[in-house]
Structure formats: C-alpha cells, structure tokens
Amino acid sequence: VQVGTLPVEGIHLFANQIMVKELDIRGSMRFGNVFSRAVRLLESQRLNVQPILTSKFPIAEAAEALKLAFDKTLSMKVQIVAD
C-alpha cells in the first residue's frame, strides 16, 4: 500500500523479490479536483453508490471485511464503518 505521491526521481524496485513473492504492482492516478467533485456529488445525492456497495462491516469485524473485499467473486465494494 502506498499513500501519497512518489518522488519525481522515481523509486528503485527489486525485481527478484517481486517475482519470488509473486507481487502485483498497480498504479493509479487522479487529478487534483476529482476527489472534491466526487464528495460534492455524494453530498448532493446526484451520485448513488448504493448499487455497488455489496457489504458493510463494523470496525470490530474489519478482518472479515478485508477477506471478503479481496475475493472479487463475492464482493464489489466492502465498507467498514466506525462504531
């Protein structure tokens, strides 16, 4: 898990460790104003995300929630909510 911005000069990866551990590396990109726009759409209820929310768990059951979230055959979006 990487949160934040990568350095401009890039990062060094050890290819052997990636292969031995059978890791998947995925990148994603967003633009600066996308998150705030999405929040506004949710607040105004112009965007309905309920159809993709397949499960909801309390924090106490976070381990079970994550197991389900990793199985894409059983879930689309798993939500963990604060008690």
PDB file of N, CA and C in Angstrom:
ATOM      1  N   VAL A   1       0.855  -1.167   0.000  1.00  0.00           N
ATOM      2  CA  VAL A   1       0.000   0.000   0.000  1.00  0.00           C
ATOM      3  C   VAL A   1       0.893   1.219   0.000  1.00  0.00           C
ATOM      4  N   GLN A   2       0.608   2.122  -0.893  1.00  0.00           N
ATOM      5  CA  GLN A   2       1.343   3.379  -0.965  1.00  0.00           C
ATOM      6  C   GLN A   2       0.323   4.494  -0.949  1.00  0.00           C
ATOM      7  N   VAL A   3       0.492   5.418  -0.038  1.00  0.00           N
ATOM      8  CA  VAL A   3      -0.408   6.556   0.044  1.00  0.00           C
ATOM      9  C   VAL A   3       0.428   7.805  -0.115  1.00  0.00           C
ATOM     10  N   GLY A   4       0.000   8.678  -0.990  1.00  0.00           N
ATOM     11  CA  GLY A   4       0.738   9.911  -1.198  1.00  0.00           C
ATOM     12  C   GLY A   4       1.311   9.967  -2.593  1.00  0.00           C
ATOM     13  N   THR A   5       2.355  10.738  -2.741  1.00  0.00           N
ATOM     14  CA  THR A   5       2.949  10.971  -4.045  1.00  0.00           C
ATOM     15  C   THR A   5       4.345  10.368  -4.091  1.00  0.00           C
ATOM     16  N   LEU A   6       4.669   9.761  -5.197  1.00  0.00           N
ATOM     17  CA  LEU A   6       6.013   9.210  -5.376  1.00  0.00           C
ATOM     18  C   LEU A   6       6.981  10.334  -5.711  1.00  0.00           C
ATOM     19  N   PRO A   7       8.253  10.179  -5.385  1.00  0.00           N
ATOM     20  CA  PRO A   7       9.236  11.213  -5.697  1.00  0.00           C
ATOM     21  C   PRO A   7       9.432  11.353  -7.204  1.00  0.00           C
ATOM     22  N   VAL A   8       9.758  12.555  -7.630  1.00  0.00           N
ATOM     23  CA  VAL A   8       9.953  12.845  -9.054  1.00  0.00           C
ATOM     24  C   VAL A   8      11.036  11.963  -9.656  1.00  0.00           C
ATOM     25  N   GLU A   9      12.102  11.704  -8.899  1.00  0.00           N
ATOM     26  CA  GLU A   9      13.215  10.908  -9.428  1.00  0.00           C
ATOM     27  C   GLU A   9      12.895   9.426  -9.535  1.00  0.00           C
ATOM     28  N   GLY A  10      11.709   9.017  -9.080  1.00  0.00           N
ATOM     29  CA  GLY A  10      11.299   7.627  -9.195  1.00  0.00           C
ATOM     30  C   GLY A  10      11.705   6.806  -7.980  1.00  0.00           C
ATOM     31  N   ILE A  11      11.466   5.503  -8.075  1.00  0.00           N
ATOM     32  CA  ILE A  11      11.816   4.590  -6.992  1.00  0.00           C
ATOM     33  C   ILE A  11      12.552   3.393  -7.585  1.00  0.00           C
ATOM     34  N   HIS A  12      13.303   2.698  -6.747  1.00  0.00           N
ATOM     35  CA  HIS A  12      14.023   1.503  -7.174  1.00  0.00           C
ATOM     36  C   HIS A  12      13.282   0.275  -6.653  1.00  0.00           C
ATOM     37  N   LEU A  13      13.054  -0.688  -7.518  1.00  0.00           N
ATOM     38  CA  LEU A  13      12.382  -1.925  -7.139  1.00  0.00           C
ATOM     39  C   LEU A  13      13.326  -3.100  -7.345  1.00  0.00           C
ATOM     40  N   PHE A  14      13.201  -4.111  -6.492  1.00  0.00           N
ATOM     41  CA  PHE A  14      13.997  -5.314  -6.620  1.00  0.00           C
ATOM     42  C   PHE A  14      13.160  -6.361  -7.350  1.00  0.00           C
ATOM     43  N   ALA A  15      13.426  -6.539  -8.628  1.00  0.00           N
ATOM     44  CA  ALA A  15      12.626  -7.428  -9.472  1.00  0.00           C
ATOM     45  C   ALA A  15      12.591  -8.858  -8.943  1.00  0.00           C
ATOM     46  N   ASN A  16      13.695  -9.355  -8.397  1.00  0.00           N
ATOM     47  CA  ASN A  16      13.704 -10.726  -7.868  1.00  0.00           C
ATOM     48  C   ASN A  16      12.699 -10.898  -6.739  1.00  0.00           C
ATOM     49  N   GLN A  17      12.622  -9.924  -5.835  1.00  0.00           N
ATOM     50  CA  GLN A  17      11.669 -10.008  -4.727  1.00  0.00           C
ATOM     51  C   GLN A  17      10.228  -9.938  -5.229  1.00  0.00           C
ATOM     52  N   ILE A  18       9.998  -9.165  -6.265  1.00  0.00           N
ATOM     53  CA  ILE A  18       8.655  -9.082  -6.848  1.00  0.00           C
ATOM     54  C   ILE A  18       8.258 -10.440  -7.412  1.00  0.00           C
ATOM     55  N   MET A  19       9.188 -11.096  -8.094  1.00  0.00           N
ATOM     56  CA  MET A  19       8.888 -12.407  -8.680  1.00  0.00           C
ATOM     57  C   MET A  19       8.751 -13.481  -7.607  1.00  0.00           C
ATOM     58  N   VAL A  20       9.682 -13.524  -6.642  1.00  0.00           N
ATOM     59  CA  VAL A  20       9.654 -14.556  -5.597  1.00  0.00           C
ATOM     60  C   VAL A  20       8.372 -14.465  -4.776  1.00  0.00           C
ATOM     61  N   LYS A  21       7.964 -13.260  -4.440  1.00  0.00           N
ATOM     62  CA  LYS A  21       6.764 -13.077  -3.620  1.00  0.00           C
ATOM     63  C   LYS A  21       5.483 -13.011  -4.453  1.00  0.00           C
ATOM     64  N   GLU A  22       5.636 -13.113  -5.782  1.00  0.00           N
ATOM     65  CA  GLU A  22       4.506 -13.058  -6.707  1.00  0.00           C
ATOM     66  C   GLU A  22       3.638 -11.825  -6.456  1.00  0.00           C
ATOM     67  N   LEU A  23       4.302 -10.671  -6.374  1.00  0.00           N
ATOM     68  CA  LEU A  23       3.605  -9.422  -6.095  1.00  0.00           C
ATOM     69  C   LEU A  23       2.970  -8.846  -7.348  1.00  0.00           C
ATOM     70  N   ASP A  24       1.888  -8.144  -7.171  1.00  0.00           N
ATOM     71  CA  ASP A  24       1.262  -7.366  -8.238  1.00  0.00           C
ATOM     72  C   ASP A  24       1.503  -5.897  -7.924  1.00  0.00           C
ATOM     73  N   ILE A  25       1.941  -5.153  -8.899  1.00  0.00           N
ATOM     74  CA  ILE A  25       2.152  -3.722  -8.724  1.00  0.00           C
ATOM     75  C   ILE A  25       1.164  -3.004  -9.624  1.00  0.00           C
ATOM     76  N   ARG A  26       0.400  -2.127  -9.031  1.00  0.00           N
ATOM     77  CA  ARG A  26      -0.606  -1.383  -9.786  1.00  0.00           C
ATOM     78  C   ARG A  26      -0.434   0.100  -9.527  1.00  0.00           C
ATOM     79  N   GLY A  27      -0.631   0.857 -10.540  1.00  0.00           N
ATOM     80  CA  GLY A  27      -0.577   2.305 -10.399  1.00  0.00           C
ATOM     81  C   GLY A  27      -1.945   2.907 -10.616  1.00  0.00           C
ATOM     82  N   SER A  28      -2.129   4.050 -10.063  1.00  0.00           N
ATOM     83  CA  SER A  28      -3.373   4.777 -10.299  1.00  0.00           C
ATOM     84  C   SER A  28      -3.058   6.261 -10.285  1.00  0.00           C
ATOM     85  N   MET A  29      -3.907   7.007 -10.911  1.00  0.00           N
ATOM     86  CA  MET A  29      -3.698   8.444 -10.990  1.00  0.00           C
ATOM     87  C   MET A  29      -5.033   9.134 -10.868  1.00  0.00           C
ATOM     88  N   ARG A  30      -5.011  10.253 -10.225  1.00  0.00           N
ATOM     89  CA  ARG A  30      -6.208  11.071 -10.167  1.00  0.00           C
ATOM     90  C   ARG A  30      -5.780  12.512 -10.326  1.00  0.00           C
ATOM     91  N   PHE A  31      -6.711  13.335 -10.658  1.00  0.00           N
ATOM     92  CA  PHE A  31      -6.430  14.746 -10.809  1.00  0.00           C
ATOM     93  C   PHE A  31      -6.870  15.473  -9.552  1.00  0.00           C
ATOM     94  N   GLY A  32      -6.273  16.611  -9.269  1.00  0.00           N
ATOM     95  CA  GLY A  32      -6.469  17.322  -8.017  1.00  0.00           C
ATOM     96  C   GLY A  32      -7.903  17.631  -7.637  1.00  0.00           C
ATOM     97  N   ASN A  33      -8.760  17.912  -8.605  1.00  0.00           N
ATOM     98  CA  ASN A  33     -10.124  18.328  -8.265  1.00  0.00           C
ATOM     99  C   ASN A  33     -11.130  17.184  -8.298  1.00  0.00           C
ATOM    100  N   VAL A  34     -10.714  15.990  -8.608  1.00  0.00           N
ATOM    101  CA  VAL A  34     -11.641  14.868  -8.761  1.00  0.00           C
ATOM    102  C   VAL A  34     -12.254  14.458  -7.425  1.00  0.00           C
ATOM    103  N   PHE A  35     -11.455  14.384  -6.369  1.00  0.00           N
ATOM    104  CA  PHE A  35     -11.962  13.928  -5.077  1.00  0.00           C
ATOM    105  C   PHE A  35     -13.017  14.891  -4.539  1.00  0.00           C
ATOM    106  N   SER A  36     -12.728  16.184  -4.560  1.00  0.00           N
ATOM    107  CA  SER A  36     -13.697  17.154  -4.035  1.00  0.00           C
ATOM    108  C   SER A  36     -14.979  17.150  -4.861  1.00  0.00           C
ATOM    109  N   ARG A  37     -14.872  16.953  -6.161  1.00  0.00           N
ATOM    110  CA  ARG A  37     -16.069  16.870  -7.007  1.00  0.00           C
ATOM    111  C   ARG A  37     -16.889  15.629  -6.650  1.00  0.00           C
ATOM    112  N   ALA A  38     -16.219  14.504  -6.425  1.00  0.00           N
ATOM    113  CA  ALA A  38     -16.924  13.277  -6.043  1.00  0.00           C
ATOM    114  C   ALA A  38     -17.644  13.459  -4.711  1.00  0.00           C
ATOM    115  N   VAL A  39     -17.003  14.125  -3.764  1.00  0.00           N
ATOM    116  CA  VAL A  39     -17.643  14.384  -2.469  1.00  0.00           C
ATOM    117  C   VAL A  39     -18.883  15.240  -2.662  1.00  0.00           C
ATOM    118  N   ARG A  40     -18.793  16.267  -3.488  1.00  0.00           N
ATOM    119  CA  ARG A  40     -19.970  17.123  -3.755  1.00  0.00           C
ATOM    120  C   ARG A  40     -21.103  16.320  -4.387  1.00  0.00           C
ATOM    121  N   LEU A  41     -20.773  15.435  -5.323  1.00  0.00           N
ATOM    122  CA  LEU A  41     -21.808  14.607  -5.952  1.00  0.00           C
ATOM    123  C   LEU A  41     -22.473  13.686  -4.936  1.00  0.00           C
ATOM    124  N   LEU A  42     -21.683  13.130  -4.035  1.00  0.00           N
ATOM    125  CA  LEU A  42     -22.248  12.269  -2.989  1.00  0.00           C
ATOM    126  C   LEU A  42     -23.128  13.073  -2.039  1.00  0.00           C
ATOM    127  N   GLU A  43     -22.645  14.245  -1.626  1.00  0.00           N
ATOM    128  CA  GLU A  43     -23.416  15.086  -0.706  1.00  0.00           C
ATOM    129  C   GLU A  43     -24.740  15.536  -1.315  1.00  0.00           C
ATOM    130  N   SER A  44     -24.724  15.835  -2.598  1.00  0.00           N
ATOM    131  CA  SER A  44     -25.947  16.305  -3.265  1.00  0.00           C
ATOM    132  C   SER A  44     -26.864  15.150  -3.663  1.00  0.00           C
ATOM    133  N   GLN A  45     -26.406  13.930  -3.434  1.00  0.00           N
ATOM    134  CA  GLN A  45     -27.141  12.707  -3.775  1.00  0.00           C
ATOM    135  C   GLN A  45     -27.405  12.585  -5.282  1.00  0.00           C
ATOM    136  N   ARG A  46     -26.578  13.229  -6.081  1.00  0.00           N
ATOM    137  CA  ARG A  46     -26.660  13.082  -7.540  1.00  0.00           C
ATOM    138  C   ARG A  46     -25.920  11.829  -7.994  1.00  0.00           C
ATOM    139  N   LEU A  47     -25.129  11.267  -7.108  1.00  0.00           N
ATOM    140  CA  LEU A  47     -24.384  10.049  -7.401  1.00  0.00           C
ATOM    141  C   LEU A  47     -24.801   8.990  -6.392  1.00  0.00           C
ATOM    142  N   ASN A  48     -25.401   7.921  -6.866  1.00  0.00           N
ATOM    143  CA  ASN A  48     -25.878   6.851  -5.997  1.00  0.00           C
ATOM    144  C   ASN A  48     -24.905   5.682  -6.063  1.00  0.00           C
ATOM    145  N   VAL A  49     -24.179   5.465  -4.985  1.00  0.00           N
ATOM    146  CA  VAL A  49     -23.203   4.374  -4.955  1.00  0.00           C
ATOM    147  C   VAL A  49     -23.755   3.116  -4.288  1.00  0.00           C
ATOM    148  N   GLN A  50     -24.977   3.159  -3.813  1.00  0.00           N
ATOM    149  CA  GLN A  50     -25.552   2.004  -3.120  1.00  0.00           C
ATOM    150  C   GLN A  50     -25.550   0.724  -3.962  1.00  0.00           C
ATOM    151  N   PRO A  51     -25.794   0.787  -5.268  1.00  0.00           N
ATOM    152  CA  PRO A  51     -25.795  -0.462  -6.049  1.00  0.00           C
ATOM    153  C   PRO A  51     -24.455  -1.204  -6.058  1.00  0.00           C
ATOM    154  N   ILE A  52     -23.352  -0.499  -5.838  1.00  0.00           N
ATOM    155  CA  ILE A  52     -22.053  -1.188  -5.846  1.00  0.00           C
ATOM    156  C   ILE A  52     -21.592  -1.590  -4.449  1.00  0.00           C
ATOM    157  N   LEU A  53     -22.282  -1.120  -3.403  1.00  0.00           N
ATOM    158  CA  LEU A  53     -21.929  -1.471  -2.030  1.00  0.00           C
ATOM    159  C   LEU A  53     -22.513  -2.839  -1.714  1.00  0.00           C
ATOM    160  N   THR A  54     -21.654  -3.851  -1.688  1.00  0.00           N
ATOM    161  CA  THR A  54     -22.141  -5.221  -1.508  1.00  0.00           C
ATOM    162  C   THR A  54     -22.153  -5.669  -0.056  1.00  0.00           C
ATOM    163  N   SER A  55     -21.346  -5.031   0.808  1.00  0.00           N
ATOM    164  CA  SER A  55     -21.288  -5.442   2.213  1.00  0.00           C
ATOM    165  C   SER A  55     -20.867  -4.276   3.086  1.00  0.00           C
ATOM    166  N   LYS A  56     -21.315  -4.322   4.342  1.00  0.00           N
ATOM    167  CA  LYS A  56     -20.949  -3.300   5.322  1.00  0.00           C
ATOM    168  C   LYS A  56     -20.605  -4.000   6.635  1.00  0.00           C
ATOM    169  N   PHE A  57     -19.473  -3.620   7.239  1.00  0.00           N
ATOM    170  CA  PHE A  57     -18.995  -4.249   8.465  1.00  0.00           C
ATOM    171  C   PHE A  57     -18.631  -3.190   9.502  1.00  0.00           C
ATOM    172  N   PRO A  58     -18.834  -3.489  10.796  1.00  0.00           N
ATOM    173  CA  PRO A  58     -18.300  -2.610  11.844  1.00  0.00           C
ATOM    174  C   PRO A  58     -16.787  -2.812  11.952  1.00  0.00           C
ATOM    175  N   ILE A  59     -16.112  -1.856  12.552  1.00  0.00           N
ATOM    176  CA  ILE A  59     -14.655  -1.940  12.690  1.00  0.00           C
ATOM    177  C   ILE A  59     -14.231  -3.223  13.398  1.00  0.00           C
ATOM    178  N   ALA A  60     -15.019  -3.668  14.343  1.00  0.00           N
ATOM    179  CA  ALA A  60     -14.675  -4.889  15.084  1.00  0.00           C
ATOM    180  C   ALA A  60     -14.555  -6.100  14.169  1.00  0.00           C
ATOM    181  N   GLU A  61     -15.186  -6.055  13.001  1.00  0.00           N
ATOM    182  CA  GLU A  61     -15.135  -7.168  12.050  1.00  0.00           C
ATOM    183  C   GLU A  61     -14.308  -6.821  10.811  1.00  0.00           C
ATOM    184  N   ALA A  62     -13.350  -5.909  10.979  1.00  0.00           N
ATOM    185  CA  ALA A  62     -12.544  -5.446   9.844  1.00  0.00           C
ATOM    186  C   ALA A  62     -11.775  -6.574   9.169  1.00  0.00           C
ATOM    187  N   ALA A  63     -11.275  -7.526   9.935  1.00  0.00           N
ATOM    188  CA  ALA A  63     -10.519  -8.641   9.336  1.00  0.00           C
ATOM    189  C   ALA A  63     -11.399  -9.438   8.385  1.00  0.00           C
ATOM    190  N   GLU A  64     -12.624  -9.714   8.796  1.00  0.00           N
ATOM    191  CA  GLU A  64     -13.560 -10.445   7.933  1.00  0.00           C
ATOM    192  C   GLU A  64     -13.913  -9.610   6.703  1.00  0.00           C
ATOM    193  N   ALA A  65     -14.073  -8.297   6.912  1.00  0.00           N
ATOM    194  CA  ALA A  65     -14.397  -7.401   5.800  1.00  0.00           C
ATOM    195  C   ALA A  65     -13.295  -7.412   4.748  1.00  0.00           C
ATOM    196  N   LEU A  66     -12.047  -7.376   5.197  1.00  0.00           N
ATOM    197  CA  LEU A  66     -10.931  -7.379   4.255  1.00  0.00           C
ATOM    198  C   LEU A  66     -10.826  -8.697   3.505  1.00  0.00           C
ATOM    199  N   LYS A  67     -11.077  -9.802   4.181  1.00  0.00           N
ATOM    200  CA  LYS A  67     -11.074 -11.099   3.497  1.00  0.00           C
ATOM    201  C   LYS A  67     -12.104 -11.106   2.377  1.00  0.00           C
ATOM    202  N   LEU A  68     -13.289 -10.608   2.675  1.00  0.00           N
ATOM    203  CA  LEU A  68     -14.340 -10.556   1.663  1.00  0.00           C
ATOM    204  C   LEU A  68     -13.966  -9.601   0.529  1.00  0.00           C
ATOM    205  N   ALA A  69     -13.394  -8.462   0.877  1.00  0.00           N
ATOM    206  CA  ALA A  69     -13.026  -7.466  -0.133  1.00  0.00           C
ATOM    207  C   ALA A  69     -11.997  -8.008  -1.116  1.00  0.00           C
ATOM    208  N   PHE A  70     -11.109  -8.870  -0.645  1.00  0.00           N
ATOM    209  CA  PHE A  70     -10.091  -9.431  -1.530  1.00  0.00           C
ATOM    210  C   PHE A  70     -10.649 -10.488  -2.476  1.00  0.00           C
ATOM    211  N   ASP A  71     -11.817 -11.012  -2.189  1.00  0.00           N
ATOM    212  CA  ASP A  71     -12.441 -12.009  -3.068  1.00  0.00           C
ATOM    213  C   ASP A  71     -13.425 -11.305  -3.991  1.00  0.00           C
ATOM    214  N   LYS A  72     -12.961 -10.931  -5.163  1.00  0.00           N
ATOM    215  CA  LYS A  72     -13.781 -10.163  -6.104  1.00  0.00           C
ATOM    216  C   LYS A  72     -14.916 -10.980  -6.710  1.00  0.00           C
ATOM    217  N   THR A  73     -14.930 -12.283  -6.478  1.00  0.00           N
ATOM    218  CA  THR A  73     -16.063 -13.082  -6.962  1.00  0.00           C
ATOM    219  C   THR A  73     -17.259 -12.942  -6.031  1.00  0.00           C
ATOM    220  N   LEU A  74     -17.022 -12.474  -4.798  1.00  0.00           N
ATOM    221  CA  LEU A  74     -18.098 -12.354  -3.815  1.00  0.00           C
ATOM    222  C   LEU A  74     -18.467 -10.914  -3.481  1.00  0.00           C
ATOM    223  N   SER A  75     -17.622  -9.963  -3.849  1.00  0.00           N
ATOM    224  CA  SER A  75     -17.889  -8.583  -3.450  1.00  0.00           C
ATOM    225  C   SER A  75     -17.443  -7.608  -4.524  1.00  0.00           C
ATOM    226  N   MET A  76     -18.065  -6.429  -4.488  1.00  0.00           N
ATOM    227  CA  MET A  76     -17.635  -5.341  -5.356  1.00  0.00           C
ATOM    228  C   MET A  76     -17.028  -4.231  -4.501  1.00  0.00           C
ATOM    229  N   LYS A  77     -17.781  -3.778  -3.502  1.00  0.00           N
ATOM    230  CA  LYS A  77     -17.299  -2.737  -2.597  1.00  0.00           C
ATOM    231  C   LYS A  77     -17.708  -3.110  -1.182  1.00  0.00           C
ATOM    232  N   VAL A  78     -16.724  -3.234  -0.310  1.00  0.00           N
ATOM    233  CA  VAL A  78     -16.968  -3.569   1.088  1.00  0.00           C
ATOM    234  C   VAL A  78     -16.671  -2.322   1.916  1.00  0.00           C
ATOM    235  N   GLN A  79     -17.613  -1.949   2.753  1.00  0.00           N
ATOM    236  CA  GLN A  79     -17.465  -0.745   3.570  1.00  0.00           C
ATOM    237  C   GLN A  79     -17.237  -1.136   5.029  1.00  0.00           C
ATOM    238  N   ILE A  80     -16.257  -0.487   5.652  1.00  0.00           N
ATOM    239  CA  ILE A  80     -16.010  -0.649   7.087  1.00  0.00           C
ATOM    240  C   ILE A  80     -16.413   0.665   7.739  1.00  0.00           C
ATOM    241  N   VAL A  81     -17.340   0.586   8.692  1.00  0.00           N
ATOM    242  CA  VAL A  81     -17.879   1.804   9.305  1.00  0.00           C
ATOM    243  C   VAL A  81     -17.454   1.914  10.763  1.00  0.00           C
ATOM    244  N   ALA A  82     -17.275   3.150  11.210  1.00  0.00           N
ATOM    245  CA  ALA A  82     -16.931   3.406  12.612  1.00  0.00           C
ATOM    246  C   ALA A  82     -18.140   3.121  13.483  1.00  0.00           C
ATOM    247  N   ASP A  83     -17.875   2.597  14.658  1.00  0.00           N
ATOM    248  CA  ASP A  83     -18.960   2.289  15.592  1.00  0.00           C
ATOM    249  C   ASP A  83     -19.578   3.556  16.150  1.00  0.00           C
TER     250      ASP A  83
END
